[in-house]
Amino acid sequence: MRYKSTRGGVSNIGFKEAFLMGLASDGGLIVPEYIPKADLSRLENLSYKEIAFEIFRLFIDDIDADDIKKLINDSYVNFDTEEITPLVREDDLYILELFHGPTFAFKDVALQFLGNLFEFVLNETHSYINILGATSGDTGSAAIYGLKGKKNINIFILHPNNAVSEVQKLQMVTVEDKNVFNIAIDGTFDDCQRIVKSIFSDLEFKNRYRLGAVNSINWARILAQIVYYFYAYFKSGKSSVTFSVPTGNFGDILAGYFAKRMGLPIEKLILATNSNDILYRFVRFGDYSLSKVVKTISPSMDIQIASNFERYLYYLFNEDTNRINKVMGEFSDNGKLKFGKDDLDKVHKDFISYACSVEDTLKTIKLFYDETGYILDPHTAAGVFAAKQSGLGDVICLSTAHPAKFPDAIQRAIGIKPAEPEAITNLRGKTKKFSVLPNSISDVKLFIKQNV
């Protein structure tokens, strides 16, 4: 399997090179040369780890099979269940619990793997890397827990100052390892993401300081997330399913899109947003236009610019790199794109979408708790709301975080706080280590220079 860029300036590179490159050197996103078909009959009776191996082997041919198996095994030892991502039946829905890793969020599924993969590749090449990423909450802590203490790696994570949950912040800023640098930016997540993408686009700076990515702009993140769509489908026992996915950055649902293209019988992908509804407006009306970020009780979705959207457009446009370059240039200049009926007809073959307000989120948490006793975190609640709105059957809702990460929202909804895992309780009272910087590309660059 070889890899290329959505913008045409990078092609014919191997998996390891694509992985270390992160954002393509032409400013685009890395995609596989083709999307392979999975042999469902081969996968249906396998464990999570065994499915992961079979999926990874379709996309990775420059790492030995035994090494891939070891990477997979090492990556999931810190999960609190052998199933890795259990599927449970609640009410008339399935809930895919993706929060059984060390930071209690779905990002652990990919970032525990990425941490081990980085260490493996860097050791093999006798090299080092400085990871730069932005987070709206969960990516940062999961990346830090995946990379803390790793050899030949520093990690710099930007988060919007005072705009993530208390638990999300504690998980990031209480890590004492010397290779971890937390940066609180006076701005929104989109500002953090803009700074990161701008720095990666400065190829001289990127190469001089050997920058790499753990955000979902890194193809390996998407690859690792494809696995649980297959696992959930087989665990459901259904002949076909629909997935409801709360998303802000379009990465998690994009993994589902790849799974569908690989032959998984997915009827529809339900895209659930909160009040930051740019992706909802795209799917419903063909309107992908920026508006102001609204602060909600589901902060990981408080995003306007979806960094994985370009990957989907690449396939929507039949892999036309010229059109991608034109459209992404227009969006950079004007902050908006408009899609016509022909494009939307193609979108609607795969996606439907619903936007969930704060009021809808609170009502959904309460109603679901009253009916089942099961506590949804506010992001998962958006997915459940969308699933209920769709009226479709055999829906698997991706549960992206443990409710204890958002105790204030839960208490507001049902009058009690969820039970807190001991690992979260132990964070309180720990020394906090982070730096506050202005919303400035140059200030972040200077910080990196001073700390690599």
Protein backbone atom coordinates (compact mmCIF):
# COMPACT_ATOMS: atom_id res chain seq x y z
CA MET A 1 0.00 0.00 0.00
CA ARG A 2 1.31 3.42 -1.00
CA TYR A 3 0.06 6.84 0.10
CA LYS A 4 -0.57 10.23 -1.50
CA SER A 5 -1.84 13.71 -0.71
CA THR A 6 -5.33 15.05 -1.37
CA ARG A 7 -3.67 17.98 -3.16
CA GLY A 8 -1.51 15.98 -5.55
CA GLY A 9 1.93 17.17 -4.44
CA VAL A 10 2.88 13.98 -2.59
CA SER A 11 2.56 10.45 -3.95
CA ASN A 12 3.99 6.94 -3.82
CA ILE A 13 5.19 7.03 -0.20
CA GLY A 14 5.08 4.16 2.28
CA PHE A 15 3.05 3.93 5.46
CA LYS A 16 5.90 4.83 7.82
CA GLU A 17 6.82 7.91 5.82
CA ALA A 18 3.16 8.96 5.61
CA PHE A 19 2.82 8.42 9.37
CA LEU A 20 5.83 10.58 10.24
CA MET A 21 4.83 13.26 7.72
CA GLY A 22 1.45 13.87 9.43
CA LEU A 23 0.20 16.79 7.36
CA ALA A 24 1.34 16.35 3.76
CA SER A 25 4.17 18.62 2.69
CA ASP A 26 1.90 20.23 0.05
CA GLY A 27 -0.59 21.26 2.74
CA GLY A 28 -3.02 18.45 1.97
CA LEU A 29 -3.97 15.34 3.93
CA ILE A 30 -2.50 11.88 3.44
CA VAL A 31 -4.82 9.21 2.00
CA PRO A 32 -4.17 5.64 0.84
CA GLU A 33 -3.54 5.06 -2.85
CA TYR A 34 -6.75 3.02 -2.94
CA ILE A 35 -9.33 1.77 -0.42
CA PRO A 36 -9.00 -2.02 -0.05
CA LYS A 37 -11.94 -4.35 0.42
CA ALA A 38 -12.13 -6.32 3.67
CA ASP A 39 -13.00 -10.03 3.73
CA LEU A 40 -15.92 -9.99 6.18
CA SER A 41 -16.07 -13.78 6.44
CA ARG A 42 -12.47 -13.76 7.67
CA LEU A 43 -13.17 -11.18 10.36
CA GLU A 44 -16.55 -12.09 11.84
CA ASN A 45 -15.40 -14.39 14.66
CA LEU A 46 -12.23 -12.53 15.63
CA SER A 47 -11.39 -10.58 18.79
CA TYR A 48 -10.87 -6.82 18.70
CA LYS A 49 -7.09 -7.17 18.53
CA GLU A 50 -7.31 -9.79 15.80
CA ILE A 51 -9.60 -7.57 13.71
CA ALA A 52 -7.17 -4.68 14.25
CA PHE A 53 -4.33 -6.80 12.89
CA GLU A 54 -6.27 -7.83 9.79
CA ILE A 55 -7.35 -4.25 9.05
CA PHE A 56 -3.87 -2.82 9.66
CA ARG A 57 -2.31 -5.39 7.33
CA LEU A 58 -4.45 -4.06 4.48
CA PHE A 59 -2.86 -0.62 4.90
CA ILE A 60 0.63 -1.35 6.28
CA ASP A 61 3.15 -3.38 4.29
CA ASP A 62 6.42 -1.85 5.52
CA ILE A 63 6.21 -3.19 9.10
CA ASP A 64 6.58 -6.91 9.80
CA ALA A 65 3.45 -8.80 10.85
CA ASP A 66 4.94 -9.82 14.20
CA ASP A 67 5.82 -6.20 14.97
CA ILE A 68 2.28 -5.07 14.13
CA LYS A 69 0.87 -7.72 16.49
CA LYS A 70 3.19 -6.56 19.28
CA LEU A 71 2.24 -2.92 18.71
CA ILE A 72 -1.45 -3.84 18.96
CA ASN A 73 -0.99 -5.92 22.10
CA ASP A 74 1.13 -3.23 23.78
CA SER A 75 -1.38 -0.54 22.89
CA TYR A 76 -4.38 -2.09 24.60
CA VAL A 77 -2.90 -3.41 27.87
CA ASN A 78 -4.06 -0.26 29.69
CA PHE A 79 -7.74 -0.70 28.79
CA ASP A 80 -9.99 -1.89 31.60
CA THR A 81 -11.74 -4.55 29.50
CA GLU A 82 -10.51 -7.29 27.17
CA GLU A 83 -13.19 -6.25 24.69
CA ILE A 84 -11.48 -2.85 24.29
CA THR A 85 -14.71 -1.29 22.92
CA PRO A 86 -17.73 -3.14 24.42
CA LEU A 87 -21.10 -2.96 22.66
CA VAL A 88 -24.08 -2.75 25.01
CA ARG A 89 -27.81 -2.72 24.30
CA GLU A 90 -29.78 0.07 25.97
CA ASP A 91 -33.40 0.91 25.19
CA ASP A 92 -33.78 0.41 21.43
CA LEU A 93 -30.18 1.37 20.63
CA TYR A 94 -26.70 -0.08 20.79
CA ILE A 95 -24.04 1.92 22.65
CA LEU A 96 -20.45 1.36 21.56
CA GLU A 97 -18.39 2.24 24.64
CA LEU A 98 -15.13 3.79 23.44
CA PHE A 99 -14.06 5.15 26.83
CA HIS A 100 -12.30 2.21 28.47
CA GLY A 101 -8.76 3.51 27.93
CA PRO A 102 -6.50 5.42 30.35
CA THR A 103 -8.09 8.87 29.76
CA PHE A 104 -11.69 7.58 29.46
CA ALA A 105 -12.21 8.90 25.92
CA PHE A 106 -12.40 7.38 22.45
CA LYS A 107 -9.14 9.05 21.46
CA ASP A 108 -7.27 6.45 23.55
CA VAL A 109 -8.16 3.75 21.03
CA ALA A 110 -5.99 5.43 18.39
CA LEU A 111 -3.48 7.36 20.48
CA GLN A 112 -2.25 4.47 22.60
CA PHE A 113 -1.40 2.82 19.27
CA LEU A 114 0.19 5.98 17.86
CA GLY A 115 2.40 6.41 20.91
CA ASN A 116 3.83 2.93 20.52
CA LEU A 117 4.06 3.30 16.75
CA PHE A 118 6.07 6.52 17.06
CA GLU A 119 8.49 4.89 19.51
CA PHE A 120 8.87 1.85 17.24
CA VAL A 121 9.52 3.81 14.03
CA LEU A 122 11.87 6.31 15.69
CA ASN A 123 13.89 3.53 17.30
CA GLU A 124 14.11 1.77 13.94
CA THR A 125 15.37 4.92 12.20
CA HIS A 126 17.54 6.16 15.12
CA SER A 127 15.67 9.45 14.96
CA TYR A 128 13.58 11.79 17.13
CA ILE A 129 10.45 13.89 16.71
CA ASN A 130 8.62 16.82 18.27
CA ILE A 131 4.85 16.22 18.24
CA LEU A 132 2.65 19.29 17.83
CA GLY A 133 -1.10 19.07 18.23
CA ALA A 134 -4.25 20.98 19.14
CA THR A 135 -7.09 19.72 21.27
CA SER A 136 -10.66 20.65 22.09
CA GLY A 137 -10.38 18.41 25.14
CA ASP A 138 -9.88 14.69 24.68
CA THR A 139 -7.18 14.44 22.00
CA GLY A 140 -4.68 16.31 24.16
CA SER A 141 -4.91 14.10 27.22
CA ALA A 142 -5.04 10.91 25.14
CA ALA A 143 -2.00 11.98 23.12
CA ILE A 144 -0.09 12.91 26.26
CA TYR A 145 -0.91 9.58 27.91
CA GLY A 146 0.14 7.80 24.74
CA LEU A 147 3.48 9.62 24.45
CA LYS A 148 4.55 10.59 27.97
CA GLY A 149 7.94 9.19 28.87
CA LYS A 150 8.54 7.85 25.34
CA LYS A 151 12.12 7.96 24.08
CA ASN A 152 13.13 10.48 21.41
CA ILE A 153 9.77 12.30 21.57
CA ASN A 154 8.63 15.67 22.89
CA ILE A 155 4.95 16.57 22.75
CA PHE A 156 3.51 20.09 22.56
CA ILE A 157 -0.28 20.28 22.96
CA LEU A 158 -2.33 23.46 22.48
CA HIS A 159 -5.74 23.77 24.12
CA PRO A 160 -8.12 26.76 24.35
CA ASN A 161 -7.58 28.40 27.72
CA ASN A 162 -10.54 27.91 30.10
CA ALA A 163 -12.58 26.20 27.37
CA VAL A 164 -12.15 22.50 28.17
CA SER A 165 -13.75 20.60 31.04
CA GLU A 166 -12.02 20.52 34.41
CA VAL A 167 -11.25 16.80 34.11
CA GLN A 168 -9.94 17.18 30.55
CA LYS A 169 -7.60 19.92 31.74
CA LEU A 170 -6.46 17.97 34.80
CA GLN A 171 -5.59 14.96 32.68
CA MET A 172 -3.29 17.14 30.57
CA VAL A 173 -1.65 19.53 32.99
CA THR A 174 -0.90 17.13 35.86
CA VAL A 175 1.45 14.98 33.76
CA GLU A 176 4.96 15.57 35.09
CA ASP A 177 7.06 13.85 32.41
CA LYS A 178 9.73 16.18 31.04
CA ASN A 179 8.83 15.48 27.41
CA VAL A 180 5.30 16.92 27.83
CA PHE A 181 4.51 20.62 27.20
CA ASN A 182 0.96 21.94 27.67
CA ILE A 183 0.13 25.29 26.08
CA ALA A 184 -3.11 27.11 26.91
CA ILE A 185 -3.97 29.51 24.08
CA ASP A 186 -6.06 32.62 24.69
CA GLY A 187 -8.56 31.72 21.97
CA THR A 188 -10.81 28.95 20.67
CA PHE A 189 -9.98 25.43 19.52
CA ASP A 190 -10.18 26.66 15.93
CA ASP A 191 -7.46 29.19 16.81
CA CYS A 192 -5.33 26.38 18.23
CA GLN A 193 -5.90 24.28 15.13
CA ARG A 194 -5.11 27.23 12.84
CA ILE A 195 -1.80 27.80 14.62
CA VAL A 196 -0.85 24.13 14.32
CA LYS A 197 -1.74 23.92 10.62
CA SER A 198 0.12 27.16 9.91
CA ILE A 199 3.25 25.89 11.64
CA PHE A 200 3.08 22.60 9.75
CA SER A 201 2.71 24.55 6.51
CA ASP A 202 6.01 26.32 7.24
CA LEU A 203 8.10 23.49 5.79
CA GLU A 204 11.44 25.02 6.76
CA PHE A 205 10.36 25.28 10.42
CA LYS A 206 8.66 21.87 10.35
CA ASN A 207 11.75 20.15 8.99
CA ARG A 208 14.25 22.01 11.17
CA TYR A 209 12.42 21.08 14.36
CA ARG A 210 11.26 17.66 13.11
CA LEU A 211 7.58 18.21 13.79
CA GLY A 212 5.05 15.39 13.67
CA ALA A 213 1.29 15.18 14.21
CA VAL A 214 -1.08 13.19 16.43
CA ASN A 215 -4.23 15.08 15.52
CA SER A 216 -6.58 13.28 13.18
CA ILE A 217 -4.73 14.90 10.29
CA ASN A 218 -2.40 11.91 10.86
CA TRP A 219 -3.68 9.03 8.74
CA ALA A 220 -2.75 6.44 11.42
CA ARG A 221 -5.39 7.98 13.71
CA ILE A 222 -8.13 7.29 11.17
CA LEU A 223 -6.78 3.80 10.49
CA ALA A 224 -6.94 2.82 14.16
CA GLN A 225 -10.51 4.09 14.44
CA ILE A 226 -11.76 2.06 11.45
CA VAL A 227 -11.33 -1.08 13.56
CA TYR A 228 -14.13 -0.47 16.03
CA TYR A 229 -16.70 -0.03 13.29
CA PHE A 230 -15.97 -3.58 12.14
CA TYR A 231 -15.90 -4.91 15.70
CA ALA A 232 -19.23 -3.28 16.59
CA TYR A 233 -20.91 -4.56 13.43
CA PHE A 234 -19.93 -8.16 14.17
CA LYS A 235 -20.90 -7.88 17.84
CA SER A 236 -24.35 -6.58 16.90
CA GLY A 237 -25.16 -9.75 14.97
CA LYS A 238 -27.13 -7.70 12.44
CA SER A 239 -26.89 -8.02 8.67
CA SER A 240 -26.56 -4.25 8.31
CA VAL A 241 -26.34 -1.33 10.73
CA THR A 242 -26.42 2.44 11.00
CA PHE A 243 -23.89 4.36 13.08
CA SER A 244 -24.63 7.61 14.89
CA VAL A 245 -21.45 9.57 15.52
CA PRO A 246 -21.01 12.78 17.54
CA THR A 247 -18.33 14.72 15.69
CA GLY A 248 -16.68 18.10 15.46
CA ASN A 249 -13.52 17.42 13.49
CA PHE A 250 -14.99 14.82 11.09
CA GLY A 251 -12.31 12.27 12.01
CA ASP A 252 -14.35 9.68 13.88
CA ILE A 253 -17.15 9.56 11.33
CA LEU A 254 -14.64 9.58 8.48
CA ALA A 255 -13.29 6.29 9.85
CA GLY A 256 -16.84 4.95 9.48
CA TYR A 257 -16.94 6.21 5.91
CA PHE A 258 -13.74 4.30 5.16
CA ALA A 259 -15.22 1.18 6.81
CA LYS A 260 -18.25 1.47 4.55
CA ARG A 261 -16.04 1.91 1.47
CA MET A 262 -14.15 -1.22 2.59
CA GLY A 263 -17.36 -3.24 2.36
CA LEU A 264 -18.88 -3.03 5.84
CA PRO A 265 -22.71 -3.11 5.45
CA ILE A 266 -23.45 0.36 6.83
CA GLU A 267 -26.85 1.69 5.81
CA LYS A 268 -26.20 5.26 6.92
CA LEU A 269 -23.75 7.32 8.93
CA ILE A 270 -25.64 9.77 11.16
CA LEU A 271 -23.53 12.87 11.74
CA ALA A 272 -24.42 14.49 15.07
CA THR A 273 -23.23 17.98 15.93
CA ASN A 274 -23.94 20.38 18.78
CA SER A 275 -24.76 24.06 18.21
CA ASN A 276 -21.50 24.39 16.28
CA ASP A 277 -23.31 23.01 13.28
CA ILE A 278 -21.11 23.63 10.23
CA LEU A 279 -21.06 19.92 9.35
CA TYR A 280 -24.83 19.64 9.86
CA ARG A 281 -25.34 22.57 7.50
CA PHE A 282 -23.05 20.94 4.95
CA VAL A 283 -24.90 17.62 4.97
CA ARG A 284 -28.38 19.17 5.05
CA PHE A 285 -28.01 22.22 2.84
CA GLY A 286 -24.58 22.14 1.16
CA ASP A 287 -23.55 25.15 3.26
CA TYR A 288 -20.03 24.84 4.68
CA SER A 289 -19.50 28.34 6.05
CA LEU A 290 -17.75 29.55 9.17
CA SER A 291 -19.58 31.14 12.04
CA LYS A 292 -18.51 32.01 15.57
CA VAL A 293 -17.64 29.12 17.87
CA VAL A 294 -20.38 28.67 20.48
CA LYS A 295 -19.38 27.37 23.92
CA THR A 296 -21.52 24.36 24.89
CA ILE A 297 -21.60 21.53 27.44
CA SER A 298 -20.02 19.21 24.84
CA PRO A 299 -16.71 21.08 24.41
CA SER A 300 -14.94 18.50 22.24
CA MET A 301 -17.43 19.40 19.50
CA ASP A 302 -17.06 23.17 19.87
CA ILE A 303 -15.38 23.38 16.48
CA GLN A 304 -16.10 25.20 13.23
CA ILE A 305 -13.25 24.09 10.93
CA ALA A 306 -13.29 20.29 10.61
CA SER A 307 -9.70 19.30 9.87
CA ASN A 308 -10.65 15.97 8.23
CA PHE A 309 -13.25 17.46 5.91
CA GLU A 310 -10.73 17.74 3.08
CA ARG A 311 -10.22 13.97 3.08
CA TYR A 312 -13.93 13.43 2.52
CA LEU A 313 -14.09 16.10 -0.20
CA TYR A 314 -11.28 14.29 -2.01
CA TYR A 315 -13.54 11.25 -2.41
CA LEU A 316 -16.68 13.33 -3.00
CA PHE A 317 -14.80 14.98 -5.90
CA ASN A 318 -13.73 11.59 -7.31
CA GLU A 319 -10.09 12.15 -6.24
CA ASP A 320 -9.79 15.29 -8.36
CA THR A 321 -6.79 17.07 -6.80
CA ASN A 322 -7.24 20.15 -8.99
CA ARG A 323 -10.74 20.67 -7.65
CA ILE A 324 -9.53 20.09 -4.08
CA ASN A 325 -6.84 22.76 -4.48
CA LYS A 326 -9.36 25.19 -5.95
CA VAL A 327 -12.00 24.59 -3.27
CA MET A 328 -9.60 24.67 -0.31
CA GLY A 329 -8.13 27.90 -1.67
CA GLU A 330 -11.63 29.38 -1.85
CA PHE A 331 -12.35 28.32 1.72
CA SER A 332 -9.09 29.79 2.94
CA ASP A 333 -9.92 33.10 1.25
CA ASN A 334 -13.63 33.35 2.00
CA GLY A 335 -14.42 31.00 4.90
CA LYS A 336 -17.31 29.39 3.05
CA LEU A 337 -18.17 26.82 0.42
CA LYS A 338 -21.44 26.05 -1.32
CA PHE A 339 -22.29 22.65 -2.75
CA GLY A 340 -24.86 21.95 -5.46
CA LYS A 341 -27.49 19.25 -5.86
CA ASP A 342 -25.22 16.73 -7.61
CA ASP A 343 -22.71 16.83 -4.76
CA LEU A 344 -25.42 16.69 -2.11
CA ASP A 345 -27.08 13.69 -3.76
CA LYS A 346 -23.78 11.84 -3.34
CA VAL A 347 -23.42 13.03 0.26
CA HIS A 348 -26.91 11.81 1.13
CA LYS A 349 -26.13 8.28 -0.04
CA ASP A 350 -23.85 7.96 2.98
CA PHE A 351 -24.77 10.65 5.52
CA ILE A 352 -27.71 12.21 7.30
CA SER A 353 -27.26 14.80 10.03
CA TYR A 354 -28.88 16.41 13.07
CA ALA A 355 -27.79 19.29 15.29
CA CYS A 356 -28.32 18.92 19.04
CA SER A 357 -28.73 22.07 21.15
CA VAL A 358 -27.66 22.30 24.80
CA GLU A 359 -31.32 21.93 25.79
CA ASP A 360 -31.68 18.86 23.57
CA THR A 361 -28.51 17.40 25.10
CA LEU A 362 -29.73 17.83 28.68
CA LYS A 363 -33.17 16.40 27.84
CA THR A 364 -31.61 13.41 26.11
CA ILE A 365 -29.33 12.62 29.06
CA LYS A 366 -32.27 12.81 31.48
CA LEU A 367 -34.73 10.83 29.35
CA PHE A 368 -32.20 8.09 28.62
CA TYR A 369 -31.24 7.88 32.30
CA ASP A 370 -34.88 7.76 33.41
CA GLU A 371 -35.67 4.98 30.93
CA THR A 372 -32.53 2.84 31.26
CA GLY A 373 -30.45 3.99 34.25
CA TYR A 374 -27.56 4.49 31.81
CA ILE A 375 -25.69 7.83 31.98
CA LEU A 376 -24.65 9.38 28.67
CA ASP A 377 -21.88 11.94 28.48
CA PRO A 378 -22.98 15.14 26.66
CA HIS A 379 -21.23 14.20 23.41
CA THR A 380 -22.72 10.72 23.29
CA ALA A 381 -26.10 12.31 24.09
CA ALA A 382 -25.87 14.27 20.84
CA GLY A 383 -25.41 10.99 18.98
CA VAL A 384 -28.36 9.39 20.77
CA PHE A 385 -30.51 12.44 20.06
CA ALA A 386 -29.63 12.21 16.37
CA ALA A 387 -30.34 8.48 16.32
CA LYS A 388 -33.78 9.04 17.85
CA GLN A 389 -34.51 11.86 15.40
CA SER A 390 -33.60 9.66 12.45
CA GLY A 391 -36.19 7.00 13.25
CA LEU A 392 -33.85 4.37 11.79
CA GLY A 393 -33.44 0.92 13.27
CA ASP A 394 -30.35 -1.05 14.36
CA VAL A 395 -28.44 2.11 15.23
CA ILE A 396 -25.08 1.87 16.98
CA CYS A 397 -24.29 5.09 18.85
CA LEU A 398 -20.63 5.81 19.44
CA SER A 399 -20.08 6.69 23.10
CA THR A 400 -17.03 8.90 22.98
CA ALA A 401 -16.32 9.67 26.64
CA HIS A 402 -17.00 8.54 30.18
CA PRO A 403 -19.71 10.74 31.78
CA ALA A 404 -17.39 11.46 34.75
CA LYS A 405 -15.35 13.72 32.45
CA PHE A 406 -18.33 16.13 32.39
CA PRO A 407 -19.81 15.96 35.91
CA ASP A 408 -21.33 19.45 35.89
CA ALA A 409 -23.32 18.75 32.72
CA ILE A 410 -24.52 15.43 34.12
CA GLN A 411 -25.60 16.98 37.41
CA ARG A 412 -27.43 19.71 35.51
CA ALA A 413 -29.29 17.04 33.53
CA ILE A 414 -30.18 14.42 36.16
CA GLY A 415 -29.45 16.10 39.51
CA ILE A 416 -26.51 13.87 40.49
CA LYS A 417 -22.89 13.60 39.47
CA PRO A 418 -21.73 10.31 37.92
CA ALA A 419 -19.42 8.03 39.89
CA GLU A 420 -15.86 9.12 39.31
CA PRO A 421 -13.15 6.56 38.43
CA GLU A 422 -10.30 6.50 40.92
CA ALA A 423 -7.82 7.52 38.24
CA ILE A 424 -9.68 10.84 37.83
CA THR A 425 -10.08 11.41 41.58
CA ASN A 426 -6.34 10.97 42.02
CA LEU A 427 -5.64 13.91 39.69
CA ARG A 428 -7.13 16.44 42.08
CA GLY A 429 -4.52 18.14 44.20
CA LYS A 430 -1.68 17.28 41.82
CA THR A 431 0.71 20.02 40.68
CA LYS A 432 -0.35 21.64 37.42
CA LYS A 433 2.22 22.32 34.70
CA PHE A 434 1.24 24.43 31.68
CA SER A 435 2.03 27.71 29.92
CA VAL A 436 -0.46 30.36 28.81
CA LEU A 437 0.35 31.97 25.45
CA PRO A 438 -1.42 34.59 23.31
CA ASN A 439 -3.29 33.60 20.16
CA SER A 440 -0.12 33.97 18.11
CA ILE A 441 1.72 31.71 15.67
CA SER A 442 5.04 33.42 16.36
CA ASP A 443 4.71 33.00 20.14
CA VAL A 444 4.07 29.27 19.77
CA LYS A 445 7.01 28.92 17.40
CA LEU A 446 9.26 30.68 19.89
CA PHE A 447 8.05 28.41 22.69
CA ILE A 448 8.89 25.34 20.61
CA LYS A 449 12.35 26.71 19.77
CA GLN A 450 13.06 27.32 23.42
CA ASN A 451 11.96 23.88 24.60
CA VAL A 452 12.99 21.32 21.99
